[in-house]
Amino acid sequence: MVAPVDTLRVVDPDVVTDAGVNEAVAPDGKPLTLTMSLRTGAISREIATLWKKSLDVIGLHSDFHLTPFQDFIKELEGGKFQIYAGGYGGVPVGYAQLNQLDSRQPPTVNMARFRLAEFDRAVDRFYASPNEAGRIAAARQASELASTYVPLLPTIFRLQNDYVQPWVQGYSKQLYTNYWKYLDIDLSRRRQAGR
C-alpha cells in the first residue's frame, strides 16, 4: 500500500543524491517504490517506459510487475497489486463509472475496494432520482468525493475512430461491440475500386 503523501519526506530539492535525482522517502527512511501491475504486451511496455520516466523526474522509484492477461485479472480480483494500469469502459452510460467505487460492488468492479458510505449514498440517490437534475446532482457529489479521495486516477483516455471503405454495407456506429457480425462486403464495388 502506498503511504499517504503527507507521511512521505522528500529530500531537500537543493540536495542531489548519488543517482542525481531527489528521492521521496517512506516513513521507514527507505526510498519509496511504487509497483505497477501490467499485463504483458507492447502497450504495457510503452506505459511502463512513460511512467518510469515521469516518476524519475520527481524522484520516485518505480517497479513493474508484468504478467499474462489472465493472471493479471486474477491478481487484480485478489487485491494483489499496489497500482495497476487497466481499463474499464465500453459502457455508453455513466452509471458504470459510479459502480467502480460503490463499496457494495464485488472486487471485479470495485478494484480499489473503495469504501465510503457518503459515496454509496450518492450512488443510491443517483439511481433513485426521478429526474435528470437529481441524477446530475448525485453524480456530481460522487465525482467530488472520488476527486477528494482519489481511489482511482484515470490516466489514459482512448479515442476510437471508425473508417469504412465504400464497399462495406450496413455499417452504423453502434454502442456495443458485437455489431461486426452484421456487416457485409459488396464484392462488385470492391472490384470496381481495384482492391
Protein backbone atom coordinates (compact mmCIF):
# COMPACT_ATOMS: atom_id res chain seq x y z
CA MET A 1 0.00 0.00 0.00
CA VAL A 2 1.27 3.46 -0.81
CA ALA A 3 1.82 5.69 2.19
CA PRO A 4 -0.28 8.86 2.21
CA VAL A 5 1.62 11.74 0.64
CA ASP A 6 1.68 13.72 3.88
CA THR A 7 3.71 10.95 5.57
CA LEU A 8 6.41 11.00 2.89
CA ARG A 9 9.57 13.00 3.24
CA VAL A 10 11.06 14.48 0.09
CA VAL A 11 14.77 15.15 0.19
CA ASP A 12 15.70 18.85 0.11
CA PRO A 13 15.46 19.96 -3.54
CA ASP A 14 18.92 21.54 -3.28
CA VAL A 15 20.45 18.20 -2.31
CA VAL A 16 21.18 15.72 -5.08
CA THR A 17 21.56 12.01 -4.33
CA ASP A 18 24.14 9.68 -5.82
CA ALA A 19 21.61 8.84 -8.54
CA GLY A 20 21.47 12.52 -9.46
CA VAL A 21 17.81 13.00 -8.53
CA ASN A 22 15.92 13.73 -5.35
CA GLU A 23 14.09 10.85 -3.75
CA ALA A 24 10.80 10.50 -1.92
CA VAL A 25 11.36 8.60 1.28
CA ALA A 26 8.86 6.35 3.03
CA PRO A 27 8.27 6.74 6.80
CA ASP A 28 10.81 3.97 7.46
CA GLY A 29 13.52 6.01 5.73
CA LYS A 30 13.79 3.78 2.68
CA PRO A 31 13.19 5.15 -0.82
CA LEU A 32 9.53 4.91 -1.75
CA THR A 33 8.98 2.46 -4.61
CA LEU A 34 5.68 2.35 -6.49
CA THR A 35 4.99 -1.00 -8.15
CA MET A 36 2.62 -1.01 -11.09
CA SER A 37 0.99 -4.23 -12.28
CA LEU A 38 0.58 -4.50 -16.03
CA ARG A 39 -0.47 -7.21 -18.42
CA THR A 40 2.20 -8.25 -20.89
CA GLY A 41 2.18 -6.64 -24.31
CA ALA A 42 3.54 -3.77 -26.37
CA ILE A 43 1.22 -1.13 -24.92
CA SER A 44 2.28 -2.11 -21.41
CA ARG A 45 5.93 -1.57 -22.30
CA GLU A 46 5.04 1.91 -23.57
CA ILE A 47 3.08 2.68 -20.39
CA ALA A 48 5.94 1.41 -18.19
CA THR A 49 8.51 3.49 -20.08
CA LEU A 50 6.47 6.68 -19.81
CA TRP A 51 5.52 6.01 -16.16
CA LYS A 52 9.15 5.36 -15.14
CA LYS A 53 10.42 8.42 -16.99
CA SER A 54 7.79 10.64 -15.36
CA LEU A 55 8.35 9.29 -11.84
CA ASP A 56 12.12 9.52 -12.15
CA VAL A 57 11.77 13.25 -12.80
CA ILE A 58 10.02 13.77 -9.46
CA GLY A 59 12.31 11.40 -7.55
CA LEU A 60 10.01 8.40 -7.12
CA HIS A 61 11.29 4.89 -7.67
CA SER A 62 9.11 2.61 -9.73
CA ASP A 63 8.96 -1.08 -10.43
CA PHE A 64 6.73 -3.09 -12.76
CA HIS A 65 5.04 -6.43 -12.36
CA LEU A 66 4.26 -7.77 -15.85
CA THR A 67 2.06 -10.83 -16.13
CA PRO A 68 -0.13 -12.52 -18.78
CA PHE A 69 -3.68 -11.16 -19.05
CA GLN A 70 -5.48 -13.99 -17.23
CA ASP A 71 -3.02 -13.91 -14.32
CA PHE A 72 -3.27 -10.11 -14.28
CA ILE A 73 -7.07 -10.32 -13.85
CA LYS A 74 -6.75 -12.96 -11.10
CA GLU A 75 -4.26 -10.79 -9.21
CA LEU A 76 -6.50 -7.72 -9.53
CA GLU A 77 -9.53 -9.62 -8.29
CA GLY A 78 -7.46 -10.99 -5.41
CA GLY A 79 -6.25 -7.50 -4.46
CA LYS A 80 -2.61 -8.43 -5.12
CA PHE A 81 -1.44 -5.11 -6.53
CA GLN A 82 -0.26 -1.72 -5.38
CA ILE A 83 -1.07 0.22 -8.55
CA TYR A 84 -2.42 -1.18 -11.78
CA ALA A 85 -2.91 0.12 -15.28
CA GLY A 86 -6.05 -1.30 -16.70
CA GLY A 87 -9.21 -0.30 -18.41
CA TYR A 88 -12.83 -0.22 -17.54
CA GLY A 89 -15.21 1.08 -20.08
CA GLY A 90 -17.13 0.33 -23.19
CA VAL A 91 -20.39 1.14 -21.44
CA PRO A 92 -22.20 4.06 -23.07
CA VAL A 93 -23.78 5.33 -19.84
CA GLY A 94 -22.21 6.94 -16.77
CA TYR A 95 -23.55 4.66 -14.07
CA ALA A 96 -20.82 2.10 -14.78
CA GLN A 97 -18.22 4.63 -13.64
CA LEU A 98 -20.16 5.22 -10.40
CA ASN A 99 -20.27 1.48 -9.76
CA GLN A 100 -16.47 1.26 -9.84
CA LEU A 101 -16.30 2.94 -6.43
CA ASP A 102 -19.51 1.60 -4.90
CA SER A 103 -18.43 -0.43 -1.85
CA ARG A 104 -21.25 -2.91 -2.41
CA GLN A 105 -19.83 -3.96 -5.76
CA PRO A 106 -17.61 -7.05 -5.97
CA PRO A 107 -13.84 -6.69 -6.47
CA THR A 108 -14.31 -7.42 -10.18
CA VAL A 109 -15.97 -3.99 -10.40
CA ASN A 110 -14.61 -2.08 -7.39
CA MET A 111 -10.94 -2.99 -7.90
CA ALA A 112 -9.81 -0.27 -5.48
CA ARG A 113 -12.04 -1.76 -2.77
CA PHE A 114 -13.10 1.79 -2.02
CA ARG A 115 -15.48 2.10 0.93
CA LEU A 116 -17.16 5.38 1.74
CA ALA A 117 -20.76 5.46 2.98
CA GLU A 118 -21.25 9.00 1.66
CA PHE A 119 -20.27 7.88 -1.83
CA ASP A 120 -22.63 4.88 -1.64
CA ARG A 121 -25.49 7.19 -0.60
CA ALA A 122 -24.76 9.45 -3.59
CA VAL A 123 -24.93 6.40 -5.88
CA ASP A 124 -28.25 5.41 -4.29
CA ARG A 125 -29.60 8.94 -4.88
CA PHE A 126 -28.42 8.72 -8.50
CA TYR A 127 -30.38 5.51 -9.08
CA ALA A 128 -33.46 6.63 -7.14
CA SER A 129 -33.74 10.09 -8.65
CA PRO A 130 -36.90 10.54 -10.73
CA ASN A 131 -35.35 13.28 -12.88
CA GLU A 132 -32.17 14.27 -14.66
CA ALA A 133 -31.40 17.19 -12.32
CA GLY A 134 -31.35 14.83 -9.33
CA ARG A 135 -29.11 12.34 -11.15
CA ILE A 136 -26.70 15.09 -12.16
CA ALA A 137 -26.51 16.43 -8.59
CA ALA A 138 -25.90 12.94 -7.17
CA ALA A 139 -23.27 12.13 -9.82
CA ARG A 140 -21.55 15.46 -9.14
CA GLN A 141 -21.35 14.72 -5.43
CA ALA A 142 -19.98 11.23 -6.12
CA SER A 143 -17.44 12.72 -8.53
CA GLU A 144 -16.34 15.30 -5.94
CA LEU A 145 -15.87 12.56 -3.34
CA ALA A 146 -13.84 10.50 -5.83
CA SER A 147 -11.71 13.58 -6.59
CA THR A 148 -11.13 14.14 -2.88
CA TYR A 149 -10.12 10.57 -2.01
CA VAL A 150 -8.63 9.58 -5.41
CA PRO A 151 -9.01 5.79 -5.18
CA LEU A 152 -8.78 5.73 -8.98
CA LEU A 153 -6.82 8.04 -11.21
CA PRO A 154 -7.74 7.99 -14.89
CA THR A 155 -4.54 8.40 -16.88
CA ILE A 156 -5.34 7.18 -20.37
CA PHE A 157 -8.39 8.02 -22.40
CA ARG A 158 -8.91 6.01 -25.55
CA LEU A 159 -10.18 7.70 -28.66
CA GLN A 160 -11.56 5.50 -31.38
CA ASN A 161 -12.20 6.48 -34.97
CA ASP A 162 -14.02 4.31 -37.46
CA TYR A 163 -13.04 4.36 -41.13
CA VAL A 164 -15.23 2.42 -43.51
CA GLN A 165 -14.46 1.51 -47.11
CA PRO A 166 -17.24 2.32 -49.62
CA TRP A 167 -17.88 -1.37 -50.31
CA VAL A 168 -18.75 -2.16 -46.70
CA GLN A 169 -22.54 -2.18 -46.41
CA GLY A 170 -24.65 -1.91 -43.29
CA TYR A 171 -22.18 -0.07 -41.09
CA SER A 172 -23.67 2.17 -38.43
CA LYS A 173 -21.74 3.25 -35.34
CA GLN A 174 -23.06 1.05 -32.55
CA LEU A 175 -22.94 1.43 -28.80
CA TYR A 176 -21.86 -2.17 -28.26
CA THR A 177 -19.05 -4.17 -29.81
CA ASN A 178 -20.83 -7.19 -31.28
CA TYR A 179 -22.07 -5.48 -34.44
CA TRP A 180 -19.36 -6.78 -36.79
CA LYS A 181 -21.27 -9.98 -37.49
CA TYR A 182 -23.98 -7.91 -39.22
CA LEU A 183 -21.70 -6.26 -41.77
CA ASP A 184 -21.34 -7.37 -45.37
CA ILE A 185 -18.96 -6.60 -48.22
CA ASP A 186 -20.23 -5.66 -51.67
CA LEU A 187 -17.68 -7.55 -53.79
CA SER A 188 -18.64 -5.78 -57.04
CA ARG A 189 -17.97 -2.33 -55.50
CA ARG A 190 -14.72 -3.64 -54.09
CA ARG A 191 -13.62 -4.93 -57.51
CA GLN A 192 -14.57 -1.58 -59.08
CA ALA A 193 -12.33 0.17 -56.59
CA GLY A 194 -9.45 -2.09 -57.64
CA ARG A 195 -8.96 -3.73 -54.28
